[in-house]
């Protein structure tokens, strides 16, 4: 096997980590999630200029969530800096959004609607990918604080509920999905 070339312009020093070392994959996924949350924030801020139903509190919360994801980013390589209090705060945000959207989803909905909701649905899926990646990392014999899994799972719930709320704020109805496989 030939020696691995390391570019002097390497974008991130851990990109050449071994294929079974999932820490860089975790970092790249959380980086993308934080960036996508920033994109969603920018779109929410723009929408708030014409839609008075969208509050500045939501903008502040999205900024906080983006920062929280970035604090999660180095956790597998270094140590956990997210606190139990921040986990509780995220859980309270999920609960609040679920309450706001309680009549919008009985079982499953298609991940469609307004552009803002679609962005939130993309983040929901990425949070699930993050959970899956963490479980794979644990299967390789690595220790991960329970709080990391709690945050990753809460992020999925947060972005799902946010998608429902954003569709409601934009006056878009949810489209129920009835699975042919699951009854």
Protein backbone atom coordinates (compact mmCIF):
# COMPACT_ATOMS: atom_id res chain seq x y z
CA UNK A 1 0.00 0.00 0.00
CA UNK A 2 1.36 3.39 -0.90
CA UNK A 3 1.95 6.13 1.59
CA UNK A 4 -1.00 8.48 2.08
CA UNK A 5 -0.37 11.90 0.62
CA UNK A 6 -1.14 14.76 3.05
CA UNK A 7 -1.77 18.01 1.24
CA UNK A 8 -0.10 21.07 2.76
CA UNK A 9 -3.47 22.78 2.15
CA UNK A 10 -5.52 20.24 4.07
CA UNK A 11 -8.83 21.79 5.06
CA UNK A 12 -9.04 20.00 8.43
CA UNK A 13 -6.26 17.98 10.10
CA UNK A 14 -8.45 14.94 10.86
CA UNK A 15 -9.80 14.32 7.34
CA UNK A 16 -7.37 11.43 6.90
CA UNK A 17 -8.43 9.64 10.09
CA UNK A 18 -8.80 5.87 9.73
CA UNK A 19 -12.13 4.69 8.28
CA UNK A 20 -13.21 3.13 11.58
CA UNK A 21 -12.43 6.33 13.53
CA UNK A 22 -15.77 8.11 13.23
CA UNK A 23 -14.81 11.24 15.17
CA UNK A 24 -14.12 13.30 12.04
CA UNK A 25 -17.43 12.13 10.50
CA UNK A 26 -19.18 13.31 13.68
CA UNK A 27 -17.40 16.65 13.50
CA UNK A 28 -18.24 17.15 9.84
CA UNK A 29 -21.90 16.29 10.40
CA UNK A 30 -22.23 18.63 13.38
CA UNK A 31 -20.43 21.34 11.40
CA UNK A 32 -22.93 20.92 8.57
CA UNK A 33 -25.87 20.89 10.99
CA UNK A 34 -24.71 24.09 12.65
CA UNK A 35 -24.20 25.69 9.25
CA UNK A 36 -27.66 24.58 8.06
CA UNK A 37 -29.15 25.95 11.27
CA UNK A 38 -27.47 29.25 10.40
CA UNK A 39 -29.01 29.10 6.94
CA UNK A 40 -32.43 28.41 8.46
CA UNK A 41 -31.88 31.33 10.83
CA UNK A 42 -31.09 33.65 7.91
CA UNK A 43 -34.25 32.55 6.11
CA UNK A 44 -36.36 32.93 9.26
CA UNK A 45 -34.97 36.44 9.78
CA UNK A 46 -35.86 37.32 6.20
CA UNK A 47 -39.35 35.84 6.55
CA UNK A 48 -39.92 37.75 9.80
CA UNK A 49 -39.71 41.01 7.81
CA UNK A 50 -43.00 40.19 6.06
CA UNK A 51 -44.60 37.68 8.45
CA UNK A 52 -45.35 39.22 11.84
CA UNK A 53 -46.16 35.74 13.23
CA UNK A 54 -42.44 34.91 13.20
CA UNK A 55 -40.85 36.27 16.35
CA UNK A 56 -37.37 37.51 17.08
CA UNK A 57 -37.36 34.99 19.94
CA UNK A 58 -37.25 32.21 17.36
CA UNK A 59 -34.25 33.88 15.73
CA UNK A 60 -32.44 34.03 19.08
CA UNK A 61 -33.31 30.40 19.76
CA UNK A 62 -31.99 29.23 16.38
CA UNK A 63 -28.74 31.08 17.03
CA UNK A 64 -28.51 29.32 20.41
CA UNK A 65 -29.22 25.92 18.81
CA UNK A 66 -26.52 26.53 16.18
CA UNK A 67 -24.05 27.35 18.94
CA UNK A 68 -25.13 24.30 20.95
CA UNK A 69 -24.45 22.05 17.95
CA UNK A 70 -21.01 23.63 17.58
CA UNK A 71 -20.29 22.93 21.26
CA UNK A 72 -21.27 19.31 20.58
CA UNK A 73 -18.83 19.18 17.64
CA UNK A 74 -15.51 18.37 19.43
CA UNK A 75 -17.09 16.17 22.11
CA UNK A 76 -15.88 12.79 20.82
CA UNK A 77 -12.32 14.02 20.30
CA UNK A 78 -12.01 16.09 23.49
CA UNK A 79 -14.67 16.23 26.18
CA UNK A 80 -18.28 17.25 26.72
CA UNK A 81 -18.88 20.92 27.51
CA UNK A 82 -22.66 20.94 27.05
CA UNK A 83 -24.39 21.05 30.42
CA UNK A 84 -27.40 19.20 31.76
CA UNK A 85 -29.08 22.61 32.07
CA UNK A 86 -28.64 23.19 28.32
CA UNK A 87 -30.15 19.76 27.66
CA UNK A 88 -33.12 20.73 29.82
CA UNK A 89 -33.41 24.02 27.96
CA UNK A 90 -33.47 22.17 24.62
CA UNK A 91 -36.08 19.73 25.98
CA UNK A 92 -38.23 22.69 27.07
CA UNK A 93 -37.94 24.18 23.57
CA UNK A 94 -39.01 20.84 22.07
CA UNK A 95 -41.97 20.64 24.47
CA UNK A 96 -43.01 24.21 23.67
CA UNK A 97 -42.87 23.59 19.91
CA UNK A 98 -44.73 20.29 20.26
CA UNK A 99 -47.47 22.07 22.19
CA UNK A 100 -47.70 24.74 19.49
CA UNK A 101 -47.94 22.06 16.79
CA UNK A 102 -50.02 19.49 18.67
CA UNK A 103 -52.96 19.58 16.26
CA UNK A 104 -50.86 19.52 13.08
CA UNK A 105 -49.61 15.94 13.15
CA UNK A 106 -51.52 12.85 14.24
CA UNK A 107 -49.05 10.24 12.93
CA UNK A 108 -46.83 10.94 9.95
CA UNK A 109 -46.60 13.88 7.58
CA UNK A 110 -44.71 14.33 4.35
CA UNK A 111 -41.56 16.44 4.85
CA UNK A 112 -42.93 19.20 2.64
CA UNK A 113 -44.39 22.65 3.01
CA UNK A 114 -42.85 26.07 3.09
CA UNK A 115 -39.13 26.50 2.46
CA UNK A 116 -38.44 27.12 6.15
CA UNK A 117 -40.16 23.90 7.19
CA UNK A 118 -38.29 21.94 4.54
CA UNK A 119 -34.98 23.27 5.88
CA UNK A 120 -36.05 22.17 9.38
CA UNK A 121 -36.96 18.72 8.06
CA UNK A 122 -33.48 18.40 6.52
CA UNK A 123 -31.98 19.19 9.93
CA UNK A 124 -34.30 16.63 11.56
CA UNK A 125 -32.93 13.94 9.27
CA UNK A 126 -29.35 15.02 9.94
CA UNK A 127 -29.97 14.77 13.68
CA UNK A 128 -31.09 11.18 13.15
CA UNK A 129 -27.93 10.54 11.12
CA UNK A 130 -25.98 11.97 14.03
CA UNK A 131 -27.66 9.58 16.48
CA UNK A 132 -26.90 6.66 14.16
CA UNK A 133 -23.26 7.75 13.86
CA UNK A 134 -22.94 7.96 17.65
CA UNK A 135 -24.31 4.42 18.04
CA UNK A 136 -21.81 3.15 15.44
CA UNK A 137 -19.03 4.93 17.32
CA UNK A 138 -20.11 3.23 20.55
CA UNK A 139 -20.23 -0.17 18.78
CA UNK A 140 -16.51 0.28 18.06
CA UNK A 141 -15.98 0.21 21.83
CA UNK A 142 -15.85 3.95 22.50
CA UNK A 143 -17.41 5.67 25.48
CA UNK A 144 -19.89 8.47 24.84
CA UNK A 145 -21.62 10.44 27.59
CA UNK A 146 -25.39 9.79 27.67
CA UNK A 147 -25.96 13.52 27.38
CA UNK A 148 -24.50 13.47 23.84
CA UNK A 149 -27.18 11.00 22.74
CA UNK A 150 -29.85 12.99 24.59
CA UNK A 151 -28.88 16.20 22.79
CA UNK A 152 -28.70 14.51 19.37
CA UNK A 153 -32.13 12.92 19.82
CA UNK A 154 -33.64 16.15 21.12
CA UNK A 155 -32.29 17.98 18.08
CA UNK A 156 -34.31 15.66 15.84
CA UNK A 157 -37.45 16.35 17.86
CA UNK A 158 -36.71 20.06 17.90
CA UNK A 159 -36.36 20.36 14.14
CA UNK A 160 -39.41 18.17 13.47
CA UNK A 161 -41.63 20.23 15.73
CA UNK A 162 -40.11 23.42 14.37
CA UNK A 163 -41.00 22.31 10.83
CA UNK A 164 -44.64 21.90 11.87
CA UNK A 165 -44.68 25.30 13.57
CA UNK A 166 -43.02 27.01 10.62
CA UNK A 167 -45.60 25.55 8.23
CA UNK A 168 -48.32 26.82 10.55
CA UNK A 169 -46.81 30.29 10.71
CA UNK A 170 -46.63 30.38 6.91
CA UNK A 171 -50.23 29.13 6.59
CA UNK A 172 -49.23 25.82 4.99
CA UNK A 173 -51.21 22.68 5.83
CA UNK A 174 -49.43 19.44 6.61
CA UNK A 175 -49.90 16.57 4.19
CA UNK A 176 -50.52 13.34 6.07
CA UNK A 177 -48.47 10.33 5.03
CA UNK A 178 -50.11 6.91 5.20
CA UNK A 179 -47.51 4.21 4.85
CA UNK A 180 -48.21 1.15 2.73
CA UNK A 181 -45.82 -0.79 4.98
CA UNK A 182 -46.73 0.29 8.50
CA UNK A 183 -50.36 0.26 9.54
